[in-house]
Amino acid sequence: MSLKEKITSDLKEAMKAGDTLRRDTLRLIDSAIKNVEIEKQKRETGLSDEEVLEVLGRAVKQRQDSIRQFEAGGRPDLAENERVELEIIVPYLPAQLSQAEIETVVDEIFATAGQVAAADLGKIMGQVMARLKGKADGNIVREIVKEKLEKIA
Protein backbone atom coordinates (compact mmCIF):
# COMPACT_ATOMS: atom_id res chain seq x y z
CA MET A 1 0.00 0.00 0.00
CA SER A 2 1.47 3.33 -1.03
CA LEU A 3 1.64 6.25 1.36
CA LYS A 4 -1.08 8.10 -0.54
CA GLU A 5 -3.36 5.06 -0.35
CA LYS A 6 -2.69 4.81 3.40
CA ILE A 7 -3.67 8.46 3.89
CA THR A 8 -6.84 7.95 1.83
CA SER A 9 -7.72 4.82 3.80
CA ASP A 10 -7.15 6.61 7.12
CA LEU A 11 -9.28 9.51 5.88
CA LYS A 12 -12.16 7.12 5.18
CA GLU A 13 -11.78 5.54 8.63
CA ALA A 14 -11.80 8.98 10.29
CA MET A 15 -14.98 9.87 8.38
CA LYS A 16 -16.69 6.66 9.47
CA ALA A 17 -15.56 7.15 13.08
CA GLY A 18 -16.75 10.77 13.16
CA ASP A 19 -13.25 12.04 14.10
CA THR A 20 -13.63 15.52 12.62
CA LEU A 21 -10.18 16.87 13.50
CA ARG A 22 -8.38 13.86 12.01
CA ARG A 23 -10.72 13.92 8.99
CA ASP A 24 -10.12 17.61 8.33
CA THR A 25 -6.35 17.31 8.73
CA LEU A 26 -6.15 14.33 6.39
CA ARG A 27 -8.37 16.14 3.87
CA LEU A 28 -5.90 19.04 3.88
CA ILE A 29 -3.02 16.63 3.27
CA ASP A 30 -4.95 14.81 0.54
CA SER A 31 -5.73 18.14 -1.10
CA ALA A 32 -2.08 19.21 -0.94
CA ILE A 33 -1.05 15.93 -2.56
CA LYS A 34 -3.60 16.42 -5.35
CA ASN A 35 -2.39 19.98 -5.92
CA VAL A 36 1.18 18.77 -6.36
CA GLU A 37 -0.03 16.03 -8.72
CA ILE A 38 -1.70 18.71 -10.84
CA GLU A 39 1.41 20.94 -10.73
CA LYS A 40 3.66 18.09 -11.82
CA GLN A 41 1.10 16.82 -14.33
CA LYS A 42 0.96 13.45 -12.58
CA ARG A 43 -2.77 13.32 -11.92
CA GLU A 44 -3.12 10.05 -13.82
CA THR A 45 -0.06 8.27 -12.43
CA GLY A 46 0.01 9.85 -8.98
CA LEU A 47 2.99 10.88 -6.89
CA SER A 48 5.66 8.50 -5.71
CA ASP A 49 6.01 7.89 -1.98
CA GLU A 50 9.08 10.13 -1.98
CA GLU A 51 7.09 13.00 -3.48
CA VAL A 52 4.26 12.43 -0.98
CA LEU A 53 6.87 12.60 1.80
CA GLU A 54 7.97 15.99 0.45
CA VAL A 55 4.37 17.22 0.66
CA LEU A 56 4.08 15.89 4.21
CA GLY A 57 7.40 17.50 5.14
CA ARG A 58 6.14 20.88 3.93
CA ALA A 59 2.92 20.40 5.91
CA VAL A 60 4.90 19.63 9.06
CA LYS A 61 7.14 22.66 8.54
CA GLN A 62 4.08 24.89 8.04
CA ARG A 63 2.55 23.61 11.28
CA GLN A 64 5.80 24.14 13.21
CA ASP A 65 6.13 27.70 11.89
CA SER A 66 2.49 28.42 12.75
CA ILE A 67 2.98 27.12 16.29
CA ARG A 68 5.96 29.46 16.81
CA GLN A 69 4.06 32.44 15.38
CA PHE A 70 0.88 31.76 17.38
CA GLU A 71 2.86 31.40 20.60
CA ALA A 72 4.75 34.62 19.88
CA GLY A 73 1.45 36.33 19.15
CA GLY A 74 -0.12 35.18 22.41
CA ARG A 75 -2.58 32.70 20.83
CA PRO A 76 -1.98 29.41 22.67
CA ASP A 77 -5.40 28.10 21.56
CA LEU A 78 -4.46 28.29 17.87
CA ALA A 79 -0.99 26.91 18.61
CA GLU A 80 -2.62 23.89 20.29
CA ASN A 81 -4.77 23.24 17.19
CA GLU A 82 -1.60 23.22 15.08
CA ARG A 83 0.09 20.82 17.52
CA VAL A 84 -2.82 18.38 17.25
CA GLU A 85 -2.64 18.51 13.44
CA LEU A 86 1.10 17.96 13.66
CA GLU A 87 0.54 14.84 15.80
CA ILE A 88 -1.79 13.51 13.10
CA ILE A 89 0.68 14.13 10.25
CA VAL A 90 3.98 13.04 11.84
CA PRO A 91 3.23 9.27 11.94
CA TYR A 92 3.18 9.23 8.13
CA LEU A 93 6.78 10.45 7.99
CA PRO A 94 9.79 8.14 8.34
CA ALA A 95 11.33 7.91 11.81
CA GLN A 96 13.42 10.95 12.58
CA LEU A 97 17.12 10.45 13.28
CA SER A 98 18.58 11.24 16.68
CA GLN A 99 21.00 14.11 17.13
CA ALA A 100 23.91 11.65 17.40
CA GLU A 101 22.93 9.99 14.11
CA ILE A 102 22.68 13.38 12.40
CA GLU A 103 26.11 14.34 13.75
CA THR A 104 27.55 11.13 12.32
CA VAL A 105 26.22 11.97 8.85
CA VAL A 106 27.48 15.56 9.16
CA ASP A 107 30.93 14.27 10.18
CA GLU A 108 30.98 11.97 7.13
CA ILE A 109 30.10 14.89 4.84
CA PHE A 110 32.81 17.03 6.44
CA ALA A 111 35.34 14.22 5.93
CA THR A 112 34.54 13.92 2.22
CA ALA A 113 34.31 17.69 1.68
CA GLY A 114 37.97 18.28 2.51
CA GLN A 115 38.84 21.85 3.45
CA VAL A 116 35.74 23.74 4.62
CA ALA A 117 35.15 27.27 5.86
CA ALA A 118 32.26 29.09 7.51
CA ALA A 119 31.11 30.25 4.06
CA ASP A 120 30.49 26.63 3.06
CA LEU A 121 27.37 26.31 5.23
CA GLY A 122 25.03 26.15 2.23
CA LYS A 123 27.17 23.62 0.37
CA ILE A 124 27.42 21.32 3.41
CA MET A 125 23.71 21.73 4.26
CA GLY A 126 22.74 20.77 0.70
CA GLN A 127 24.76 17.57 0.86
CA VAL A 128 23.52 16.61 4.34
CA MET A 129 19.85 17.29 3.57
CA ALA A 130 20.08 15.37 0.29
CA ARG A 131 21.44 12.40 2.20
CA LEU A 132 18.91 12.57 5.06
CA LYS A 133 15.82 13.31 2.87
CA GLY A 134 13.01 13.84 5.38
CA LYS A 135 14.66 11.88 8.18
CA ALA A 136 15.78 14.98 10.07
CA ASP A 137 14.52 18.49 10.77
CA GLY A 138 16.48 21.05 8.76
CA ASN A 139 16.71 23.43 11.71
CA ILE A 140 18.44 20.81 13.85
CA VAL A 141 20.79 19.92 11.00
CA ARG A 142 21.65 23.59 10.46
CA GLU A 143 22.53 24.04 14.15
CA ILE A 144 24.79 20.97 14.10
CA VAL A 145 26.53 22.10 10.89
CA LYS A 146 26.98 25.65 12.29
CA GLU A 147 28.53 24.28 15.50
CA LYS A 148 30.97 22.12 13.56
CA LEU A 149 31.91 25.01 11.23
CA GLU A 150 32.50 27.28 14.25
CA LYS A 151 34.84 24.68 15.79
CA ILE A 152 36.85 24.54 12.57
CA ALA A 153 37.11 28.32 12.14
C-alpha atoms as a PDB file:
ATOM      1  CA  MET A   1       0.000   0.000   0.000  1.00  0.00           C
ATOM      2  CA  SER A   2       1.469   3.329  -1.035  1.00  0.00           C
ATOM      3  CA  LEU A   3       1.644   6.249   1.356  1.00  0.00           C
ATOM      4  CA  LYS A   4      -1.083   8.101  -0.542  1.00  0.00           C
ATOM      5  CA  GLU A   5      -3.364   5.060  -0.347  1.00  0.00           C
ATOM      6  CA  LYS A   6      -2.687   4.809   3.399  1.00  0.00           C
ATOM      7  CA  ILE A   7      -3.670   8.462   3.895  1.00  0.00           C
ATOM      8  CA  THR A   8      -6.844   7.953   1.829  1.00  0.00           C
ATOM      9  CA  SER A   9      -7.719   4.822   3.797  1.00  0.00           C
ATOM     10  CA  ASP A  10      -7.150   6.607   7.123  1.00  0.00           C
ATOM     11  CA  LEU A  11      -9.280   9.505   5.884  1.00  0.00           C
ATOM     12  CA  LYS A  12     -12.164   7.124   5.179  1.00  0.00           C
ATOM     13  CA  GLU A  13     -11.778   5.543   8.631  1.00  0.00           C
ATOM     14  CA  ALA A  14     -11.801   8.977  10.288  1.00  0.00           C
ATOM     15  CA  MET A  15     -14.976   9.869   8.380  1.00  0.00           C
ATOM     16  CA  LYS A  16     -16.692   6.663   9.472  1.00  0.00           C
ATOM     17  CA  ALA A  17     -15.562   7.150  13.084  1.00  0.00           C
ATOM     18  CA  GLY A  18     -16.750  10.770  13.164  1.00  0.00           C
ATOM     19  CA  ASP A  19     -13.254  12.037  14.095  1.00  0.00           C
ATOM     20  CA  THR A  20     -13.628  15.525  12.621  1.00  0.00           C
ATOM     21  CA  LEU A  21     -10.179  16.869  13.504  1.00  0.00           C
ATOM     22  CA  ARG A  22      -8.377  13.862  12.012  1.00  0.00           C
ATOM     23  CA  ARG A  23     -10.718  13.920   8.995  1.00  0.00           C
ATOM     24  CA  ASP A  24     -10.123  17.613   8.326  1.00  0.00           C
ATOM     25  CA  THR A  25      -6.349  17.312   8.727  1.00  0.00           C
ATOM     26  CA  LEU A  26      -6.155  14.328   6.392  1.00  0.00           C
ATOM     27  CA  ARG A  27      -8.368  16.144   3.871  1.00  0.00           C
ATOM     28  CA  LEU A  28      -5.899  19.041   3.877  1.00  0.00           C
ATOM     29  CA  ILE A  29      -3.022  16.631   3.269  1.00  0.00           C
ATOM     30  CA  ASP A  30      -4.952  14.811   0.538  1.00  0.00           C
ATOM     31  CA  SER A  31      -5.731  18.142  -1.100  1.00  0.00           C
ATOM     32  CA  ALA A  32      -2.078  19.210  -0.937  1.00  0.00           C
ATOM     33  CA  ILE A  33      -1.046  15.926  -2.565  1.00  0.00           C
ATOM     34  CA  LYS A  34      -3.601  16.416  -5.350  1.00  0.00           C
ATOM     35  CA  ASN A  35      -2.394  19.984  -5.919  1.00  0.00           C
ATOM     36  CA  VAL A  36       1.178  18.770  -6.360  1.00  0.00           C
ATOM     37  CA  GLU A  37      -0.034  16.034  -8.719  1.00  0.00           C
ATOM     38  CA  ILE A  38      -1.696  18.706 -10.844  1.00  0.00           C
ATOM     39  CA  GLU A  39       1.407  20.943 -10.730  1.00  0.00           C
ATOM     40  CA  LYS A  40       3.659  18.092 -11.815  1.00  0.00           C
ATOM     41  CA  GLN A  41       1.099  16.819 -14.329  1.00  0.00           C
ATOM     42  CA  LYS A  42       0.964  13.445 -12.583  1.00  0.00           C
ATOM     43  CA  ARG A  43      -2.767  13.318 -11.921  1.00  0.00           C
ATOM     44  CA  GLU A  44      -3.125  10.045 -13.819  1.00  0.00           C
ATOM     45  CA  THR A  45      -0.060   8.268 -12.426  1.00  0.00           C
ATOM     46  CA  GLY A  46       0.013   9.854  -8.983  1.00  0.00           C
ATOM     47  CA  LEU A  47       2.986  10.881  -6.894  1.00  0.00           C
ATOM     48  CA  SER A  48       5.664   8.501  -5.710  1.00  0.00           C
ATOM     49  CA  ASP A  49       6.010   7.887  -1.975  1.00  0.00           C
ATOM     50  CA  GLU A  50       9.082  10.131  -1.978  1.00  0.00           C
ATOM     51  CA  GLU A  51       7.086  12.998  -3.483  1.00  0.00           C
ATOM     52  CA  VAL A  52       4.264  12.434  -0.980  1.00  0.00           C
ATOM     53  CA  LEU A  53       6.866  12.601   1.799  1.00  0.00           C
ATOM     54  CA  GLU A  54       7.974  15.988   0.453  1.00  0.00           C
ATOM     55  CA  VAL A  55       4.372  17.223   0.661  1.00  0.00           C
ATOM     56  CA  LEU A  56       4.083  15.891   4.214  1.00  0.00           C
ATOM     57  CA  GLY A  57       7.401  17.502   5.141  1.00  0.00           C
ATOM     58  CA  ARG A  58       6.135  20.883   3.928  1.00  0.00           C
ATOM     59  CA  ALA A  59       2.916  20.403   5.911  1.00  0.00           C
ATOM     60  CA  VAL A  60       4.897  19.631   9.063  1.00  0.00           C
ATOM     61  CA  LYS A  61       7.141  22.660   8.537  1.00  0.00           C
ATOM     62  CA  GLN A  62       4.076  24.889   8.044  1.00  0.00           C
ATOM     63  CA  ARG A  63       2.554  23.609  11.284  1.00  0.00           C
ATOM     64  CA  GLN A  64       5.797  24.141  13.209  1.00  0.00           C
ATOM     65  CA  ASP A  65       6.134  27.695  11.887  1.00  0.00           C
ATOM     66  CA  SER A  66       2.492  28.419  12.750  1.00  0.00           C
ATOM     67  CA  ILE A  67       2.982  27.117  16.292  1.00  0.00           C
ATOM     68  CA  ARG A  68       5.955  29.459  16.805  1.00  0.00           C
ATOM     69  CA  GLN A  69       4.055  32.436  15.379  1.00  0.00           C
ATOM     70  CA  PHE A  70       0.882  31.763  17.377  1.00  0.00           C
ATOM     71  CA  GLU A  71       2.864  31.404  20.598  1.00  0.00           C
ATOM     72  CA  ALA A  72       4.755  34.622  19.877  1.00  0.00           C
ATOM     73  CA  GLY A  73       1.446  36.334  19.149  1.00  0.00           C
ATOM     74  CA  GLY A  74      -0.123  35.176  22.414  1.00  0.00           C
ATOM     75  CA  ARG A  75      -2.579  32.701  20.834  1.00  0.00           C
ATOM     76  CA  PRO A  76      -1.976  29.406  22.666  1.00  0.00           C
ATOM     77  CA  ASP A  77      -5.400  28.103  21.558  1.00  0.00           C
ATOM     78  CA  LEU A  78      -4.457  28.290  17.872  1.00  0.00           C
ATOM     79  CA  ALA A  79      -0.989  26.906  18.612  1.00  0.00           C
ATOM     80  CA  GLU A  80      -2.618  23.893  20.291  1.00  0.00           C
ATOM     81  CA  ASN A  81      -4.767  23.239  17.189  1.00  0.00           C
ATOM     82  CA  GLU A  82      -1.603  23.216  15.078  1.00  0.00           C
ATOM     83  CA  ARG A  83       0.090  20.821  17.522  1.00  0.00           C
ATOM     84  CA  VAL A  84      -2.820  18.384  17.247  1.00  0.00           C
ATOM     85  CA  GLU A  85      -2.642  18.513  13.442  1.00  0.00           C
ATOM     86  CA  LEU A  86       1.104  17.962  13.663  1.00  0.00           C
ATOM     87  CA  GLU A  87       0.544  14.844  15.802  1.00  0.00           C
ATOM     88  CA  ILE A  88      -1.794  13.513  13.105  1.00  0.00           C
ATOM     89  CA  ILE A  89       0.683  14.130  10.253  1.00  0.00           C
ATOM     90  CA  VAL A  90       3.977  13.036  11.839  1.00  0.00           C
ATOM     91  CA  PRO A  91       3.234   9.269  11.941  1.00  0.00           C
ATOM     92  CA  TYR A  92       3.185   9.227   8.128  1.00  0.00           C
ATOM     93  CA  LEU A  93       6.785  10.445   7.993  1.00  0.00           C
ATOM     94  CA  PRO A  94       9.791   8.140   8.345  1.00  0.00           C
ATOM     95  CA  ALA A  95      11.327   7.908  11.809  1.00  0.00           C
ATOM     96  CA  GLN A  96      13.423  10.954  12.584  1.00  0.00           C
ATOM     97  CA  LEU A  97      17.119  10.451  13.278  1.00  0.00           C
ATOM     98  CA  SER A  98      18.576  11.244  16.680  1.00  0.00           C
ATOM     99  CA  GLN A  99      21.001  14.112  17.135  1.00  0.00           C
ATOM    100  CA  ALA A 100      23.906  11.655  17.398  1.00  0.00           C
ATOM    101  CA  GLU A 101      22.926   9.987  14.109  1.00  0.00           C
ATOM    102  CA  ILE A 102      22.675  13.383  12.399  1.00  0.00           C
ATOM    103  CA  GLU A 103      26.114  14.344  13.751  1.00  0.00           C
ATOM    104  CA  THR A 104      27.553  11.125  12.321  1.00  0.00           C
ATOM    105  CA  VAL A 105      26.216  11.970   8.849  1.00  0.00           C
ATOM    106  CA  VAL A 106      27.480  15.561   9.158  1.00  0.00           C
ATOM    107  CA  ASP A 107      30.933  14.268  10.175  1.00  0.00           C
ATOM    108  CA  GLU A 108      30.980  11.974   7.132  1.00  0.00           C
ATOM    109  CA  ILE A 109      30.097  14.891   4.838  1.00  0.00           C
ATOM    110  CA  PHE A 110      32.812  17.033   6.441  1.00  0.00           C
ATOM    111  CA  ALA A 111      35.342  14.218   5.931  1.00  0.00           C
ATOM    112  CA  THR A 112      34.539  13.918   2.220  1.00  0.00           C
ATOM    113  CA  ALA A 113      34.310  17.690   1.678  1.00  0.00           C
ATOM    114  CA  GLY A 114      37.966  18.282   2.513  1.00  0.00           C
ATOM    115  CA  GLN A 115      38.843  21.849   3.452  1.00  0.00           C
ATOM    116  CA  VAL A 116      35.736  23.742   4.623  1.00  0.00           C
ATOM    117  CA  ALA A 117      35.155  27.270   5.857  1.00  0.00           C
ATOM    118  CA  ALA A 118      32.259  29.090   7.510  1.00  0.00           C
ATOM    119  CA  ALA A 119      31.112  30.252   4.061  1.00  0.00           C
ATOM    120  CA  ASP A 120      30.492  26.625   3.064  1.00  0.00           C
ATOM    121  CA  LEU A 121      27.366  26.309   5.232  1.00  0.00           C
ATOM    122  CA  GLY A 122      25.028  26.145   2.231  1.00  0.00           C
ATOM    123  CA  LYS A 123      27.165  23.621   0.375  1.00  0.00           C
ATOM    124  CA  ILE A 124      27.418  21.317   3.409  1.00  0.00           C
ATOM    125  CA  MET A 125      23.710  21.726   4.255  1.00  0.00           C
ATOM    126  CA  GLY A 126      22.742  20.774   0.705  1.00  0.00           C
ATOM    127  CA  GLN A 127      24.764  17.573   0.862  1.00  0.00           C
ATOM    128  CA  VAL A 128      23.518  16.609   4.343  1.00  0.00           C
ATOM    129  CA  MET A 129      19.852  17.286   3.574  1.00  0.00           C
ATOM    130  CA  ALA A 130      20.084  15.367   0.288  1.00  0.00           C
ATOM    131  CA  ARG A 131      21.440  12.400   2.203  1.00  0.00           C
ATOM    132  CA  LEU A 132      18.912  12.572   5.059  1.00  0.00           C
ATOM    133  CA  LYS A 133      15.817  13.313   2.873  1.00  0.00           C
ATOM    134  CA  GLY A 134      13.008  13.841   5.379  1.00  0.00           C
ATOM    135  CA  LYS A 135      14.658  11.884   8.176  1.00  0.00           C
ATOM    136  CA  ALA A 136      15.779  14.980  10.071  1.00  0.00           C
ATOM    137  CA  ASP A 137      14.522  18.487  10.769  1.00  0.00           C
ATOM    138  CA  GLY A 138      16.475  21.049   8.755  1.00  0.00           C
ATOM    139  CA  ASN A 139      16.706  23.434  11.706  1.00  0.00           C
ATOM    140  CA  ILE A 140      18.435  20.810  13.853  1.00  0.00           C
ATOM    141  CA  VAL A 141      20.789  19.918  10.998  1.00  0.00           C
ATOM    142  CA  ARG A 142      21.652  23.595  10.455  1.00  0.00           C
ATOM    143  CA  GLU A 143      22.526  24.037  14.148  1.00  0.00           C
ATOM    144  CA  ILE A 144      24.792  20.974  14.095  1.00  0.00           C
ATOM    145  CA  VAL A 145      26.534  22.101  10.895  1.00  0.00           C
ATOM    146  CA  LYS A 146      26.977  25.647  12.290  1.00  0.00           C
ATOM    147  CA  GLU A 147      28.531  24.281  15.502  1.00  0.00           C
ATOM    148  CA  LYS A 148      30.967  22.121  13.555  1.00  0.00           C
ATOM    149  CA  LEU A 149      31.910  25.008  11.234  1.00  0.00           C
ATOM    150  CA  GLU A 150      32.504  27.284  14.245  1.00  0.00           C
ATOM    151  CA  LYS A 151      34.838  24.683  15.786  1.00  0.00           C
ATOM    152  CA  ILE A 152      36.847  24.544  12.566  1.00  0.00           C
ATOM    153  CA  ALA A 153      37.110  28.322  12.137  1.00  0.00           C
END
